[in-house]
Amino acid sequence: MLTTVKHLPTEFGLQSLFDDLFVPNVEVRPADIHLSALRPFLLASYVDANGSVEALALCDINLATILGAALSMQPIGCIREDLDAREIRDEIADNAREVFNIASNLFQAGAEQRHRLDEFVTWKNVDEKLMSVARSRLPKRTFAIEVEQYGIGKVTYMALTEECKSSMAQ
């Protein structure tokens, strides 16, 4: 499978990022579950300098809520109802988006390859072509991320193959 993304985020890269971003302790570990079948979720798409989608990140709503709240240092009590209802407020989603924006640096393979966050959308607003690609057999890595005092969630990072990119262009 040929991909243009040379590096998917690693456990070490994510751990380093979260250690720099968050005051609470964060633990990143590999996970087995591919999230494309789970709902509700948020989907981040990463594009190259030409605006071509190169990679995706699919995160469960728990992780998005936890990261968004932890970034703004909101107490867990403020998001407990959201976690129980499996909902995410706009301001928390905006904060989670910023975490995924910063994480775009984890795809870099040197100065010649730059990616940036393009979309960060909920399962309600995901483009059908992107969702179809997310369900396909792509090179991927899944992680469980636990933020102390907030909780745990999962994310799957995927690199698009040339074949997937071609099918999206049609």
Protein backbone atom coordinates (compact mmCIF):
# COMPACT_ATOMS: atom_id res chain seq x y z
CA MET A 1 0.00 0.00 0.00
CA LEU A 2 1.58 3.22 -1.13
CA THR A 3 0.83 6.25 1.04
CA THR A 4 2.09 9.79 0.79
CA VAL A 5 2.10 10.23 4.58
CA LYS A 6 5.43 8.82 5.66
CA HIS A 7 4.74 8.84 9.39
CA LEU A 8 1.62 8.18 11.40
CA PRO A 9 1.68 9.51 14.96
CA THR A 10 3.44 7.19 17.39
CA GLU A 11 2.82 6.42 21.04
CA PHE A 12 5.98 8.35 21.95
CA GLY A 13 5.02 11.34 19.78
CA LEU A 14 1.53 11.56 21.26
CA GLN A 15 2.85 11.10 24.80
CA SER A 16 5.36 13.93 24.28
CA LEU A 17 2.70 16.20 22.80
CA PHE A 18 0.27 15.61 25.66
CA ASP A 19 2.99 15.95 28.30
CA ASP A 20 3.69 19.42 26.89
CA LEU A 21 0.03 20.43 26.53
CA PHE A 22 -1.64 19.24 29.70
CA VAL A 23 -1.14 19.76 33.42
CA PRO A 24 -2.82 16.46 34.41
CA ASN A 25 -0.90 13.27 33.78
CA VAL A 26 -1.69 11.67 30.44
CA GLU A 27 -1.05 8.06 29.51
CA VAL A 28 -0.95 6.97 25.86
CA ARG A 29 -0.97 3.29 24.98
CA PRO A 30 -1.67 1.25 21.85
CA ALA A 31 -5.23 -0.04 21.50
CA ASP A 32 -6.71 -2.78 19.36
CA ILE A 33 -10.04 -1.30 18.41
CA HIS A 34 -10.39 0.47 15.07
CA LEU A 35 -12.98 3.17 15.65
CA SER A 36 -14.63 3.47 12.24
CA ALA A 37 -17.61 1.43 13.39
CA LEU A 38 -18.19 3.35 16.63
CA ARG A 39 -20.49 6.31 17.05
CA PRO A 40 -20.57 9.05 18.12
CA PHE A 41 -17.17 10.21 16.95
CA LEU A 42 -15.28 13.15 15.49
CA LEU A 43 -13.23 12.95 12.31
CA ALA A 44 -10.18 15.08 11.60
CA SER A 45 -8.80 15.30 8.09
CA TYR A 46 -5.25 16.42 7.38
CA VAL A 47 -4.22 17.89 4.03
CA ASP A 48 -0.95 18.60 2.26
CA ALA A 49 0.11 21.95 0.81
CA ASN A 50 -2.10 21.34 -2.25
CA GLY A 51 -5.21 20.71 -0.15
CA SER A 52 -5.25 16.98 -0.85
CA VAL A 53 -6.45 14.81 2.05
CA GLU A 54 -3.49 12.70 3.20
CA ALA A 55 -4.52 11.38 6.62
CA LEU A 56 -7.46 11.00 8.97
CA ALA A 57 -7.92 10.81 12.72
CA LEU A 58 -11.08 9.26 14.05
CA CYS A 59 -11.67 9.85 17.75
CA ASP A 60 -14.48 8.78 20.00
CA ILE A 61 -16.57 11.51 21.56
CA ASN A 62 -15.18 10.73 25.02
CA LEU A 63 -11.65 11.56 23.91
CA ALA A 64 -12.71 14.75 22.14
CA THR A 65 -14.63 15.90 25.23
CA ILE A 66 -11.80 14.97 27.59
CA LEU A 67 -9.08 16.67 25.51
CA GLY A 68 -11.22 19.78 24.95
CA ALA A 69 -11.99 20.15 28.64
CA ALA A 70 -8.44 19.40 29.78
CA LEU A 71 -6.97 21.95 27.35
CA SER A 72 -9.13 24.70 28.83
CA MET A 73 -8.62 23.29 32.35
CA GLN A 74 -12.34 22.92 32.95
CA PRO A 75 -13.13 20.75 35.96
CA ILE A 76 -14.38 17.25 35.18
CA GLY A 77 -17.71 18.14 36.80
CA CYS A 78 -18.36 20.60 33.97
CA ILE A 79 -18.31 17.84 31.37
CA ARG A 80 -19.69 14.88 33.34
CA GLU A 81 -23.18 15.33 31.84
CA ASP A 82 -21.69 15.61 28.34
CA LEU A 83 -19.76 12.36 28.81
CA ASP A 84 -22.82 10.57 30.17
CA ALA A 85 -25.01 11.85 27.30
CA ARG A 86 -22.25 11.23 24.71
CA GLU A 87 -22.55 14.82 23.51
CA ILE A 88 -19.98 17.55 22.99
CA ARG A 89 -20.52 21.28 23.42
CA ASP A 90 -19.25 23.62 20.72
CA GLU A 91 -16.60 25.29 22.89
CA ILE A 92 -15.25 21.91 24.02
CA ALA A 93 -15.22 20.70 20.39
CA ASP A 94 -13.30 23.87 19.43
CA ASN A 95 -10.68 23.10 22.09
CA ALA A 96 -10.43 19.47 20.93
CA ARG A 97 -10.01 20.76 17.38
CA GLU A 98 -7.02 22.79 18.54
CA VAL A 99 -5.42 19.68 20.08
CA PHE A 100 -5.84 17.84 16.75
CA ASN A 101 -4.48 20.89 14.93
CA ILE A 102 -1.33 20.84 17.07
CA ALA A 103 -1.08 17.08 16.48
CA SER A 104 -0.73 17.70 12.73
CA ASN A 105 2.98 18.15 13.44
CA LEU A 106 3.17 14.44 14.28
CA PHE A 107 2.70 13.57 10.59
CA GLN A 108 5.77 15.54 9.48
CA ALA A 109 8.60 13.66 7.86
CA GLY A 110 10.86 16.65 7.39
CA ALA A 111 10.68 20.09 5.88
CA GLU A 112 9.53 18.78 2.50
CA GLN A 113 6.30 17.30 3.88
CA ARG A 114 3.88 19.53 5.76
CA HIS A 115 0.33 18.67 6.74
CA ARG A 116 -2.33 20.78 8.37
CA LEU A 117 -5.68 20.09 9.93
CA ASP A 118 -8.46 20.72 7.44
CA GLU A 119 -11.76 19.53 8.90
CA PHE A 120 -12.76 18.44 12.38
CA VAL A 121 -16.39 17.35 12.25
CA THR A 122 -18.84 15.26 14.22
CA TRP A 123 -20.34 12.02 12.95
CA LYS A 124 -23.45 14.03 11.96
CA ASN A 125 -21.51 16.11 9.43
CA VAL A 126 -18.93 13.71 8.00
CA ASP A 127 -18.64 13.67 4.22
CA GLU A 128 -19.73 10.23 2.96
CA LYS A 129 -16.60 9.84 0.80
CA LEU A 130 -14.37 10.49 3.81
CA MET A 131 -16.36 8.03 5.93
CA SER A 132 -16.07 5.40 3.23
CA VAL A 133 -12.31 5.92 3.16
CA ALA A 134 -12.14 5.72 6.98
CA ARG A 135 -13.87 2.32 6.82
CA SER A 136 -11.41 0.93 4.25
CA ARG A 137 -8.21 -0.96 4.88
CA LEU A 138 -5.71 1.79 5.52
CA PRO A 139 -2.43 1.83 7.37
CA LYS A 140 -3.53 2.83 10.86
CA ARG A 141 -2.58 3.15 14.49
CA THR A 142 -5.05 3.21 17.36
CA PHE A 143 -4.34 4.57 20.82
CA ALA A 144 -6.13 4.72 24.14
CA ILE A 145 -5.46 8.05 25.82
CA GLU A 146 -6.19 8.53 29.50
CA VAL A 147 -6.12 11.98 31.04
CA GLU A 148 -5.86 11.86 34.82
CA GLN A 149 -9.04 13.01 36.56
CA TYR A 150 -10.88 13.30 33.21
CA GLY A 151 -11.14 9.82 31.75
CA ILE A 152 -10.15 7.72 28.77
CA GLY A 153 -10.94 7.72 25.05
CA LYS A 154 -9.57 6.34 21.81
CA VAL A 155 -8.24 7.66 18.53
CA THR A 156 -7.30 5.95 15.28
CA TYR A 157 -4.88 7.65 12.88
CA MET A 158 -5.00 6.56 9.22
CA ALA A 159 -2.82 7.31 6.20
CA LEU A 160 -4.64 7.46 2.87
CA THR A 161 -3.36 5.28 0.07
CA GLU A 162 -3.03 6.52 -3.50
CA GLU A 163 -5.99 4.29 -4.39
CA CYS A 164 -8.19 5.92 -1.73
CA LYS A 165 -7.17 9.38 -2.84
CA SER A 166 -8.10 8.50 -6.43
CA SER A 167 -11.51 7.18 -5.41
CA MET A 168 -12.19 10.39 -3.47
CA ALA A 169 -11.38 12.50 -6.51
CA GLN A 170 -14.04 10.77 -8.62
